[in-house]
Amino acid sequence: MNHEPRATSHSRHFRIKGMHCASCVFSIERALKAVPGVSVATVNLVTNQATVSYDAEKTTDEQLVQAVAGAGYTADLRVSGAATNHEPTNQELDKLRELEELKWKVI
């Protein structure tokens, strides 16, 4: 399997409103991962932020917001981190995937 990011790969950081427990985190991550083109979605309960890597040819920011809303929460794309325009490297994408796998093993 080729893990190289495509030319249209984007990484987006945004604030999530309405989370209060680990179940909220898993619900939002599951909703984001269900969006076509999303390769990695991680949500941090402590910082109330989500990080999503996705193929911009297959999905839009609006679809990400709708997915979060469909899970019962609010995504604020205006509150983005400095890394919003940062294109993820192969190493960053591999690390995110590895962390995601480890999280599910722990659960």
PDB file of N, CA and C in Angstrom:
ATOM      1  N   MET A   1       0.844  -1.186   0.000  1.00  0.00           N
ATOM      2  CA  MET A   1       0.000   0.000   0.000  1.00  0.00           C
ATOM      3  C   MET A   1       0.883   1.241   0.000  1.00  0.00           C
ATOM      4  N   ASN A   2       0.586   2.185  -0.830  1.00  0.00           N
ATOM      5  CA  ASN A   2       1.368   3.414  -0.967  1.00  0.00           C
ATOM      6  C   ASN A   2       0.855   4.451   0.019  1.00  0.00           C
ATOM      7  N   HIS A   3       1.727   4.912   0.923  1.00  0.00           N
ATOM      8  CA  HIS A   3       1.324   5.889   1.941  1.00  0.00           C
ATOM      9  C   HIS A   3       1.758   7.304   1.596  1.00  0.00           C
ATOM     10  N   GLU A   4       2.193   7.540   0.381  1.00  0.00           N
ATOM     11  CA  GLU A   4       2.634   8.878   0.012  1.00  0.00           C
ATOM     12  C   GLU A   4       1.436   9.800  -0.133  1.00  0.00           C
ATOM     13  N   PRO A   5       1.522  11.044   0.405  1.00  0.00           N
ATOM     14  CA  PRO A   5       0.404  11.968   0.256  1.00  0.00           C
ATOM     15  C   PRO A   5       0.260  12.400  -1.193  1.00  0.00           C
ATOM     16  N   ARG A   6      -0.965  12.579  -1.613  1.00  0.00           N
ATOM     17  CA  ARG A   6      -1.232  13.039  -2.960  1.00  0.00           C
ATOM     18  C   ARG A   6      -1.024  14.545  -3.023  1.00  0.00           C
ATOM     19  N   ALA A   7      -0.914  15.050  -4.237  1.00  0.00           N
ATOM     20  CA  ALA A   7      -0.698  16.474  -4.435  1.00  0.00           C
ATOM     21  C   ALA A   7      -1.851  17.289  -3.866  1.00  0.00           C
ATOM     22  N   THR A   8      -3.040  16.680  -3.715  1.00  0.00           N
ATOM     23  CA  THR A   8      -4.202  17.396  -3.216  1.00  0.00           C
ATOM     24  C   THR A   8      -4.439  17.148  -1.722  1.00  0.00           C
ATOM     25  N   SER A   9      -3.488  16.539  -1.043  1.00  0.00           N
ATOM     26  CA  SER A   9      -3.636  16.240   0.373  1.00  0.00           C
ATOM     27  C   SER A   9      -3.546  17.528   1.194  1.00  0.00           C
ATOM     28  N   HIS A  10      -4.491  17.671   2.111  1.00  0.00           N
ATOM     29  CA  HIS A  10      -4.519  18.832   3.000  1.00  0.00           C
ATOM     30  C   HIS A  10      -4.606  18.358   4.444  1.00  0.00           C
ATOM     31  N   SER A  11      -4.090  19.153   5.335  1.00  0.00           N
ATOM     32  CA  SER A  11      -4.238  18.905   6.760  1.00  0.00           C
ATOM     33  C   SER A  11      -4.917  20.124   7.354  1.00  0.00           C
ATOM     34  N   ARG A  12      -5.960  19.891   8.136  1.00  0.00           N
ATOM     35  CA  ARG A  12      -6.766  20.984   8.675  1.00  0.00           C
ATOM     36  C   ARG A  12      -6.891  20.819  10.181  1.00  0.00           C
ATOM     37  N   HIS A  13      -6.711  21.901  10.907  1.00  0.00           N
ATOM     38  CA  HIS A  13      -6.874  21.925  12.361  1.00  0.00           C
ATOM     39  C   HIS A  13      -8.039  22.855  12.665  1.00  0.00           C
ATOM     40  N   PHE A  14      -8.960  22.407  13.505  1.00  0.00           N
ATOM     41  CA  PHE A  14     -10.060  23.286  13.875  1.00  0.00           C
ATOM     42  C   PHE A  14     -10.618  22.933  15.242  1.00  0.00           C
ATOM     43  N   ARG A  15     -11.294  23.894  15.823  1.00  0.00           N
ATOM     44  CA  ARG A  15     -11.847  23.739  17.168  1.00  0.00           C
ATOM     45  C   ARG A  15     -13.190  23.018  17.102  1.00  0.00           C
ATOM     46  N   ILE A  16     -13.408  22.144  18.092  1.00  0.00           N
ATOM     47  CA  ILE A  16     -14.673  21.428  18.226  1.00  0.00           C
ATOM     48  C   ILE A  16     -15.348  21.936  19.490  1.00  0.00           C
ATOM     49  N   LYS A  17     -16.634  22.262  19.370  1.00  0.00           N
ATOM     50  CA  LYS A  17     -17.408  22.725  20.530  1.00  0.00           C
ATOM     51  C   LYS A  17     -18.427  21.662  20.912  1.00  0.00           C
ATOM     52  N   GLY A  18     -18.586  21.469  22.220  1.00  0.00           N
ATOM     53  CA  GLY A  18     -19.604  20.567  22.734  1.00  0.00           C
ATOM     54  C   GLY A  18     -19.091  19.237  23.249  1.00  0.00           C
ATOM     55  N   MET A  19     -17.792  19.004  23.206  1.00  0.00           N
ATOM     56  CA  MET A  19     -17.232  17.739  23.700  1.00  0.00           C
ATOM     57  C   MET A  19     -17.091  17.783  25.216  1.00  0.00           C
ATOM     58  N   HIS A  20     -17.302  16.613  25.850  1.00  0.00           N
ATOM     59  CA  HIS A  20     -17.100  16.563  27.289  1.00  0.00           C
ATOM     60  C   HIS A  20     -16.542  15.224  27.781  1.00  0.00           C
ATOM     61  N   CYS A  21     -16.376  14.242  26.870  1.00  0.00           N
ATOM     62  CA  CYS A  21     -15.867  12.944  27.310  1.00  0.00           C
ATOM     63  C   CYS A  21     -15.205  12.204  26.147  1.00  0.00           C
ATOM     64  N   ALA A  22     -14.594  11.066  26.465  1.00  0.00           N
ATOM     65  CA  ALA A  22     -13.914  10.264  25.443  1.00  0.00           C
ATOM     66  C   ALA A  22     -14.894   9.738  24.404  1.00  0.00           C
ATOM     67  N   SER A  23     -16.111   9.473  24.803  1.00  0.00           N
ATOM     68  CA  SER A  23     -17.123   9.011  23.850  1.00  0.00           C
ATOM     69  C   SER A  23     -17.382  10.067  22.775  1.00  0.00           C
ATOM     70  N   CYS A  24     -17.361  11.329  23.169  1.00  0.00           N
ATOM     71  CA  CYS A  24     -17.521  12.430  22.213  1.00  0.00           C
ATOM     72  C   CYS A  24     -16.385  12.396  21.184  1.00  0.00           C
ATOM     73  N   VAL A  25     -15.175  12.188  21.666  1.00  0.00           N
ATOM     74  CA  VAL A  25     -14.003  12.142  20.793  1.00  0.00           C
ATOM     75  C   VAL A  25     -14.169  11.040  19.753  1.00  0.00           C
ATOM     76  N   PHE A  26     -14.561   9.853  20.193  1.00  0.00           N
ATOM     77  CA  PHE A  26     -14.700   8.723  19.272  1.00  0.00           C
ATOM     78  C   PHE A  26     -15.832   8.952  18.276  1.00  0.00           C
ATOM     79  N   SER A  27     -16.914   9.562  18.728  1.00  0.00           N
ATOM     80  CA  SER A  27     -18.030   9.847  17.820  1.00  0.00           C
ATOM     81  C   SER A  27     -17.611  10.808  16.712  1.00  0.00           C
ATOM     82  N   ILE A  28     -16.880  11.839  17.079  1.00  0.00           N
ATOM     83  CA  ILE A  28     -16.437  12.832  16.096  1.00  0.00           C
ATOM     84  C   ILE A  28     -15.414  12.226  15.144  1.00  0.00           C
ATOM     85  N   GLU A  29     -14.456  11.476  15.683  1.00  0.00           N
ATOM     86  CA  GLU A  29     -13.460  10.841  14.824  1.00  0.00           C
ATOM     87  C   GLU A  29     -14.127   9.895  13.828  1.00  0.00           C
ATOM     88  N   ARG A  30     -15.083   9.102  14.297  1.00  0.00           N
ATOM     89  CA  ARG A  30     -15.790   8.164  13.425  1.00  0.00           C
ATOM     90  C   ARG A  30     -16.541   8.917  12.331  1.00  0.00           C
ATOM     91  N   ALA A  31     -17.193  10.023  12.688  1.00  0.00           N
ATOM     92  CA  ALA A  31     -17.936  10.816  11.705  1.00  0.00           C
ATOM     93  C   ALA A  31     -17.003  11.420  10.665  1.00  0.00           C
ATOM     94  N   LEU A  32     -15.864  11.932  11.105  1.00  0.00           N
ATOM     95  CA  LEU A  32     -14.907  12.529  10.169  1.00  0.00           C
ATOM     96  C   LEU A  32     -14.299  11.483   9.239  1.00  0.00           C
ATOM     97  N   LYS A  33     -13.975  10.314   9.784  1.00  0.00           N
ATOM     98  CA  LYS A  33     -13.375   9.262   8.974  1.00  0.00           C
ATOM     99  C   LYS A  33     -14.353   8.701   7.939  1.00  0.00           C
ATOM    100  N   ALA A  34     -15.629   8.894   8.164  1.00  0.00           N
ATOM    101  CA  ALA A  34     -16.643   8.413   7.217  1.00  0.00           C
ATOM    102  C   ALA A  34     -16.764   9.328   5.997  1.00  0.00           C
ATOM    103  N   VAL A  35     -16.180  10.522   6.064  1.00  0.00           N
ATOM    104  CA  VAL A  35     -16.233  11.457   4.945  1.00  0.00           C
ATOM    105  C   VAL A  35     -15.279  10.959   3.855  1.00  0.00           C
ATOM    106  N   PRO A  36     -15.758  10.842   2.617  1.00  0.00           N
ATOM    107  CA  PRO A  36     -14.882  10.386   1.533  1.00  0.00           C
ATOM    108  C   PRO A  36     -13.649  11.273   1.397  1.00  0.00           C
ATOM    109  N   GLY A  37     -12.492  10.637   1.268  1.00  0.00           N
ATOM    110  CA  GLY A  37     -11.251  11.377   1.089  1.00  0.00           C
ATOM    111  C   GLY A  37     -10.477  11.621   2.368  1.00  0.00           C
ATOM    112  N   VAL A  38     -11.096  11.405   3.535  1.00  0.00           N
ATOM    113  CA  VAL A  38     -10.399  11.613   4.807  1.00  0.00           C
ATOM    114  C   VAL A  38      -9.492  10.421   5.064  1.00  0.00           C
ATOM    115  N   SER A  39      -8.202  10.693   5.252  1.00  0.00           N
ATOM    116  CA  SER A  39      -7.243   9.623   5.516  1.00  0.00           C
ATOM    117  C   SER A  39      -6.938   9.482   7.004  1.00  0.00           C
ATOM    118  N   VAL A  40      -6.906  10.597   7.713  1.00  0.00           N
ATOM    119  CA  VAL A  40      -6.611  10.587   9.147  1.00  0.00           C
ATOM    120  C   VAL A  40      -7.471  11.640   9.838  1.00  0.00           C
ATOM    121  N   ALA A  41      -8.068  11.260  10.956  1.00  0.00           N
ATOM    122  CA  ALA A  41      -8.825  12.212  11.771  1.00  0.00           C
ATOM    123  C   ALA A  41      -8.541  11.919  13.234  1.00  0.00           C
ATOM    124  N   THR A  42      -8.011  12.911  13.934  1.00  0.00           N
ATOM    125  CA  THR A  42      -7.752  12.767  15.364  1.00  0.00           C
ATOM    126  C   THR A  42      -8.384  13.942  16.090  1.00  0.00           C
ATOM    127  N   VAL A  43      -8.957  13.658  17.241  1.00  0.00           N
ATOM    128  CA  VAL A  43      -9.616  14.679  18.038  1.00  0.00           C
ATOM    129  C   VAL A  43      -8.996  14.666  19.427  1.00  0.00           C
ATOM    130  N   ASN A  44      -8.704  15.853  19.952  1.00  0.00           N
ATOM    131  CA  ASN A  44      -8.100  15.986  21.269  1.00  0.00           C
ATOM    132  C   ASN A  44      -9.107  16.625  22.209  1.00  0.00           C
ATOM    133  N   LEU A  45      -9.525  15.883  23.225  1.00  0.00           N
ATOM    134  CA  LEU A  45     -10.513  16.374  24.186  1.00  0.00           C
ATOM    135  C   LEU A  45      -9.968  17.528  25.021  1.00  0.00           C
ATOM    136  N   VAL A  46      -8.704  17.485  25.371  1.00  0.00           N
ATOM    137  CA  VAL A  46      -8.104  18.502  26.226  1.00  0.00           C
ATOM    138  C   VAL A  46      -8.054  19.861  25.529  1.00  0.00           C
ATOM    139  N   THR A  47      -7.656  19.869  24.261  1.00  0.00           N
ATOM    140  CA  THR A  47      -7.528  21.133  23.534  1.00  0.00           C
ATOM    141  C   THR A  47      -8.783  21.482  22.734  1.00  0.00           C
ATOM    142  N   ASN A  48      -9.743  20.538  22.687  1.00  0.00           N
ATOM    143  CA  ASN A  48     -10.974  20.721  21.903  1.00  0.00           C
ATOM    144  C   ASN A  48     -10.665  20.987  20.432  1.00  0.00           C
ATOM    145  N   GLN A  49      -9.671  20.279  19.917  1.00  0.00           N
ATOM    146  CA  GLN A  49      -9.295  20.471  18.518  1.00  0.00           C
ATOM    147  C   GLN A  49      -9.295  19.149  17.764  1.00  0.00           C
ATOM    148  N   ALA A  50      -9.572  19.261  16.473  1.00  0.00           N
ATOM    149  CA  ALA A  50      -9.495  18.115  15.570  1.00  0.00           C
ATOM    150  C   ALA A  50      -8.437  18.403  14.521  1.00  0.00           C
ATOM    151  N   THR A  51      -7.755  17.365  14.102  1.00  0.00           N
ATOM    152  CA  THR A  51      -6.808  17.448  13.003  1.00  0.00           C
ATOM    153  C   THR A  51      -7.243  16.417  11.979  1.00  0.00           C
ATOM    154  N   VAL A  52      -7.433  16.888  10.746  1.00  0.00           N
ATOM    155  CA  VAL A  52      -7.918  16.014   9.690  1.00  0.00           C
ATOM    156  C   VAL A  52      -7.010  16.140   8.476  1.00  0.00           C
ATOM    157  N   SER A  53      -6.561  15.011   7.958  1.00  0.00           N
ATOM    158  CA  SER A  53      -5.828  14.967   6.695  1.00  0.00           C
ATOM    159  C   SER A  53      -6.779  14.375   5.671  1.00  0.00           C
ATOM    160  N   TYR A  54      -6.895  15.050   4.526  1.00  0.00           N
ATOM    161  CA  TYR A  54      -7.873  14.605   3.539  1.00  0.00           C
ATOM    162  C   TYR A  54      -7.456  14.996   2.126  1.00  0.00           C
ATOM    163  N   ASP A  55      -8.081  14.348   1.161  1.00  0.00           N
ATOM    164  CA  ASP A  55      -7.862  14.617  -0.253  1.00  0.00           C
ATOM    165  C   ASP A  55      -8.850  15.706  -0.664  1.00  0.00           C
ATOM    166  N   ALA A  56      -8.331  16.867  -1.027  1.00  0.00           N
ATOM    167  CA  ALA A  56      -9.178  18.015  -1.361  1.00  0.00           C
ATOM    168  C   ALA A  56      -9.986  17.794  -2.637  1.00  0.00           C
ATOM    169  N   GLU A  57      -9.628  16.787  -3.422  1.00  0.00           N
ATOM    170  CA  GLU A  57     -10.423  16.490  -4.615  1.00  0.00           C
ATOM    171  C   GLU A  57     -11.674  15.693  -4.269  1.00  0.00           C
ATOM    172  N   LYS A  58     -11.672  15.086  -3.083  1.00  0.00           N
ATOM    173  CA  LYS A  58     -12.802  14.241  -2.688  1.00  0.00           C
ATOM    174  C   LYS A  58     -13.680  14.850  -1.614  1.00  0.00           C
ATOM    175  N   THR A  59     -13.169  15.821  -0.874  1.00  0.00           N
ATOM    176  CA  THR A  59     -13.958  16.408   0.208  1.00  0.00           C
ATOM    177  C   THR A  59     -13.626  17.884   0.374  1.00  0.00           C
ATOM    178  N   THR A  60     -14.515  18.586   1.075  1.00  0.00           N
ATOM    179  CA  THR A  60     -14.351  20.014   1.325  1.00  0.00           C
ATOM    180  C   THR A  60     -14.425  20.281   2.819  1.00  0.00           C
ATOM    181  N   ASP A  61     -14.016  21.485   3.202  1.00  0.00           N
ATOM    182  CA  ASP A  61     -14.136  21.888   4.602  1.00  0.00           C
ATOM    183  C   ASP A  61     -15.595  21.825   5.052  1.00  0.00           C
ATOM    184  N   GLU A  62     -16.505  22.199   4.169  1.00  0.00           N
ATOM    185  CA  GLU A  62     -17.929  22.194   4.515  1.00  0.00           C
ATOM    186  C   GLU A  62     -18.412  20.782   4.829  1.00  0.00           C
ATOM    187  N   GLN A  63     -17.899  19.782   4.106  1.00  0.00           N
ATOM    188  CA  GLN A  63     -18.280  18.400   4.386  1.00  0.00           C
ATOM    189  C   GLN A  63     -17.764  17.966   5.754  1.00  0.00           C
ATOM    190  N   LEU A  64     -16.584  18.445   6.138  1.00  0.00           N
ATOM    191  CA  LEU A  64     -16.039  18.130   7.457  1.00  0.00           C
ATOM    192  C   LEU A  64     -16.915  18.742   8.546  1.00  0.00           C
ATOM    193  N   VAL A  65     -17.321  19.996   8.335  1.00  0.00           N
ATOM    194  CA  VAL A  65     -18.186  20.679   9.299  1.00  0.00           C
ATOM    195  C   VAL A  65     -19.516  19.939   9.414  1.00  0.00           C
ATOM    196  N   GLN A  66     -20.078  19.524   8.288  1.00  0.00           N
ATOM    197  CA  GLN A  66     -21.351  18.802   8.293  1.00  0.00           C
ATOM    198  C   GLN A  66     -21.230  17.456   9.003  1.00  0.00           C
ATOM    199  N   ALA A  67     -20.101  16.778   8.826  1.00  0.00           N
ATOM    200  CA  ALA A  67     -19.894  15.498   9.498  1.00  0.00           C
ATOM    201  C   ALA A  67     -19.860  15.679  11.013  1.00  0.00           C
ATOM    202  N   VAL A  68     -19.172  16.719  11.462  1.00  0.00           N
ATOM    203  CA  VAL A  68     -19.108  17.006  12.900  1.00  0.00           C
ATOM    204  C   VAL A  68     -20.507  17.367  13.418  1.00  0.00           C
ATOM    205  N   ALA A  69     -21.228  18.180  12.665  1.00  0.00           N
ATOM    206  CA  ALA A  69     -22.592  18.563  13.050  1.00  0.00           C
ATOM    207  C   ALA A  69     -23.504  17.339  13.100  1.00  0.00           C
ATOM    208  N   GLY A  70     -23.315  16.416  12.159  1.00  0.00           N
ATOM    209  CA  GLY A  70     -24.110  15.197  12.138  1.00  0.00           C
ATOM    210  C   GLY A  70     -23.877  14.339  13.371  1.00  0.00           C
ATOM    211  N   ALA A  71     -22.714  14.470  13.986  1.00  0.00           N
ATOM    212  CA  ALA A  71     -22.401  13.740  15.213  1.00  0.00           C
ATOM    213  C   ALA A  71     -22.898  14.486  16.451  1.00  0.00           C
ATOM    214  N   GLY A  72     -23.432  15.708  16.242  1.00  0.00           N
ATOM    215  CA  GLY A  72     -23.992  16.468  17.353  1.00  0.00           C
ATOM    216  C   GLY A  72     -23.085  17.520  17.952  1.00  0.00           C
ATOM    217  N   TYR A  73     -22.057  17.918  17.229  1.00  0.00           N
ATOM    218  CA  TYR A  73     -21.092  18.890  17.743  1.00  0.00           C
ATOM    219  C   TYR A  73     -20.909  20.014  16.733  1.00  0.00           C
ATOM    220  N   THR A  74     -20.111  21.012  17.096  1.00  0.00           N
ATOM    221  CA  THR A  74     -19.871  22.149  16.214  1.00  0.00           C
ATOM    222  C   THR A  74     -18.386  22.253  15.903  1.00  0.00           C
ATOM    223  N   ALA A  75     -18.064  22.425  14.621  1.00  0.00           N
ATOM    224  CA  ALA A  75     -16.682  22.625  14.197  1.00  0.00           C
ATOM    225  C   ALA A  75     -16.519  24.077  13.801  1.00  0.00           C
ATOM    226  N   ASP A  76     -15.504  24.725  14.346  1.00  0.00           N
ATOM    227  CA  ASP A  76     -15.223  26.123  14.030  1.00  0.00           C
ATOM    228  C   ASP A  76     -13.940  26.185  13.219  1.00  0.00           C
ATOM    229  N   LEU A  77     -14.083  26.306  11.905  1.00  0.00           N
ATOM    230  CA  LEU A  77     -12.918  26.332  11.018  1.00  0.00           C
ATOM    231  C   LEU A  77     -12.158  27.638  11.089  1.00  0.00           C
ATOM    232  N   ARG A  78     -12.778  28.692  11.606  1.00  0.00           N
ATOM    233  CA  ARG A  78     -12.094  29.985  11.699  1.00  0.00           C
ATOM    234  C   ARG A  78     -11.005  29.962  12.754  1.00  0.00           C
ATOM    235  N   VAL A  79     -11.095  29.058  13.715  1.00  0.00           N
ATOM    236  CA  VAL A  79     -10.106  28.967  14.783  1.00  0.00           C
ATOM    237  C   VAL A  79      -9.137  27.869  14.415  1.00  0.00           C
ATOM    238  N   SER A  80      -8.260  28.155  13.468  1.00  0.00           N
ATOM    239  CA  SER A  80      -7.297  27.174  12.973  1.00  0.00           C
ATOM    240  C   SER A  80      -5.928  27.435  13.557  1.00  0.00           C
ATOM    241  N   GLY A  81      -5.174  26.368  13.683  1.00  0.00           N
ATOM    242  CA  GLY A  81      -3.804  26.493  14.158  1.00  0.00           C
ATOM    243  C   GLY A  81      -2.901  27.004  13.053  1.00  0.00           C
ATOM    244  N   ALA A  82      -1.692  27.319  13.408  1.00  0.00           N
ATOM    245  CA  ALA A  82      -0.738  27.832  12.432  1.00  0.00           C
ATOM    246  C   ALA A  82      -0.423  26.801  11.365  1.00  0.00           C
ATOM    247  N   ALA A  83      -0.669  25.535  11.665  1.00  0.00           N
ATOM    248  CA  ALA A  83      -0.332  24.472  10.717  1.00  0.00           C
ATOM    249  C   ALA A  83      -1.411  24.263   9.661  1.00  0.00           C
ATOM    250  N   THR A  84      -2.415  25.102   9.614  1.00  0.00           N
ATOM    251  CA  THR A  84      -3.504  24.925   8.670  1.00  0.00           C
ATOM    252  C   THR A  84      -3.023  24.818   7.238  1.00  0.00           C
ATOM    253  N   ASN A  85      -2.071  25.624   6.836  1.00  0.00           N
ATOM    254  CA  ASN A  85      -1.587  25.608   5.469  1.00  0.00           C
ATOM    255  C   ASN A  85      -0.428  24.644   5.286  1.00  0.00           C
ATOM    256  N   HIS A  86      -0.097  23.919   6.311  1.00  0.00           N
ATOM    257  CA  HIS A  86       1.004  22.972   6.291  1.00  0.00           C
ATOM    258  C   HIS A  86       0.576  21.691   5.585  1.00  0.00           C
ATOM    259  N   GLU A  87       1.325  21.299   4.584  1.00  0.00           N
ATOM    260  CA  GLU A  87       1.087  20.033   3.904  1.00  0.00           C
ATOM    261  C   GLU A  87       1.797  18.944   4.694  1.00  0.00           C
ATOM    262  N   PRO A  88       1.082  17.888   5.090  1.00  0.00           N
ATOM    263  CA  PRO A  88       1.720  16.844   5.892  1.00  0.00           C
ATOM    264  C   PRO A  88       2.773  16.083   5.093  1.00  0.00           C
ATOM    265  N   THR A  89       3.857  15.751   5.772  1.00  0.00           N
ATOM    266  CA  THR A  89       4.919  14.961   5.143  1.00  0.00           C
ATOM    267  C   THR A  89       4.564  13.488   5.269  1.00  0.00           C
ATOM    268  N   ASN A  90       5.272  12.648   4.553  1.00  0.00           N
ATOM    269  CA  ASN A  90       5.071  11.198   4.662  1.00  0.00           C
ATOM    270  C   ASN A  90       5.253  10.747   6.099  1.00  0.00           C
ATOM    271  N   GLN A  91       6.261  11.289   6.750  1.00  0.00           N
ATOM    272  CA  GLN A  91       6.556  10.905   8.125  1.00  0.00           C
ATOM    273  C   GLN A  91       5.412  11.310   9.055  1.00  0.00           C
ATOM    274  N   GLU A  92       4.866  12.507   8.878  1.00  0.00           N
ATOM    275  CA  GLU A  92       3.751  12.958   9.722  1.00  0.00           C
ATOM    276  C   GLU A  92       2.521  12.087   9.514  1.00  0.00           C
ATOM    277  N   LEU A  93       2.208  11.764   8.261  1.00  0.00           N
ATOM    278  CA  LEU A  93       1.053  10.916   7.983  1.00  0.00           C
ATOM    279  C   LEU A  93       1.238   9.524   8.571  1.00  0.00           C
ATOM    280  N   ASP A  94       2.440   8.968   8.437  1.00  0.00           N
ATOM    281  CA  ASP A  94       2.719   7.650   9.013  1.00  0.00           C
ATOM    282  C   ASP A  94       2.592   7.680  10.529  1.00  0.00           C
ATOM    283  N   LYS A  95       3.068   8.748  11.156  1.00  0.00           N
ATOM    284  CA  LYS A  95       2.975   8.868  12.615  1.00  0.00           C
ATOM    285  C   LYS A  95       1.522   8.972  13.065  1.00  0.00           C
ATOM    286  N   LEU A  96       0.710   9.756  12.346  1.00  0.00           N
ATOM    287  CA  LEU A  96      -0.702   9.865  12.683  1.00  0.00           C
ATOM    288  C   LEU A  96      -1.403   8.514  12.558  1.00  0.00           C
ATOM    289  N   ARG A  97      -1.098   7.778  11.506  1.00  0.00           N
ATOM    290  CA  ARG A  97      -1.695   6.441  11.330  1.00  0.00           C
ATOM    291  C   ARG A  97      -1.259   5.500  12.443  1.00  0.00           C
ATOM    292  N   GLU A  98       0.022   5.563  12.797  1.00  0.00           N
ATOM    293  CA  GLU A  98       0.540   4.714  13.862  1.00  0.00           C
ATOM    294  C   GLU A  98      -0.133   5.033  15.194  1.00  0.00           C
ATOM    295  N   LEU A  99      -0.286   6.310  15.500  1.00  0.00           N
ATOM    296  CA  LEU A  99      -0.953   6.707  16.739  1.00  0.00           C
ATOM    297  C   LEU A  99      -2.405   6.256  16.754  1.00  0.00           C
ATOM    298  N   GLU A 100      -3.067   6.353  15.620  1.00  0.00           N
ATOM    299  CA  GLU A 100      -4.455   5.922  15.513  1.00  0.00           C
ATOM    300  C   GLU A 100      -4.570   4.413  15.785  1.00  0.00           C
ATOM    301  N   GLU A 101      -3.678   3.627  15.206  1.00  0.00           N
ATOM    302  CA  GLU A 101      -3.680   2.183  15.427  1.00  0.00           C
ATOM    303  C   GLU A 101      -3.424   1.859  16.898  1.00  0.00           C
ATOM    304  N   LEU A 102      -2.461   2.551  17.499  1.00  0.00           N
ATOM    305  CA  LEU A 102      -2.153   2.306  18.912  1.00  0.00           C
ATOM    306  C   LEU A 102      -3.338   2.659  19.809  1.00  0.00           C
ATOM    307  N   LYS A 103      -4.026   3.743  19.467  1.00  0.00           N
ATOM    308  CA  LYS A 103      -5.179   4.148  20.275  1.00  0.00           C
ATOM    309  C   LYS A 103      -6.242   3.052  20.269  1.00  0.00           C
ATOM    310  N   TRP A 104      -6.502   2.483  19.111  1.00  0.00           N
ATOM    311  CA  TRP A 104      -7.521   1.432  19.021  1.00  0.00           C
ATOM    312  C   TRP A 104      -7.077   0.163  19.706  1.00  0.00           C
ATOM    313  N   LYS A 105      -5.785  -0.126  19.717  1.00  0.00           N
ATOM    314  CA  LYS A 105      -5.281  -1.312  20.432  1.00  0.00           C
ATOM    315  C   LYS A 105      -5.485  -1.147  21.928  1.00  0.00           C
ATOM    316  N   VAL A 106      -5.259   0.072  22.423  1.00  0.00           N
ATOM    317  CA  VAL A 106      -5.431   0.349  23.853  1.00  0.00           C
ATOM    318  C   VAL A 106      -6.901   0.209  24.251  1.00  0.00           C
ATOM    319  N   ILE A 107      -7.775   0.686  23.392  1.00  0.00           N
ATOM    320  CA  ILE A 107      -9.213   0.620  23.673  1.00  0.00           C
ATOM    321  C   ILE A 107      -9.649  -0.822  23.679  1.00  0.00           C
TER     322      ILE A 107
END
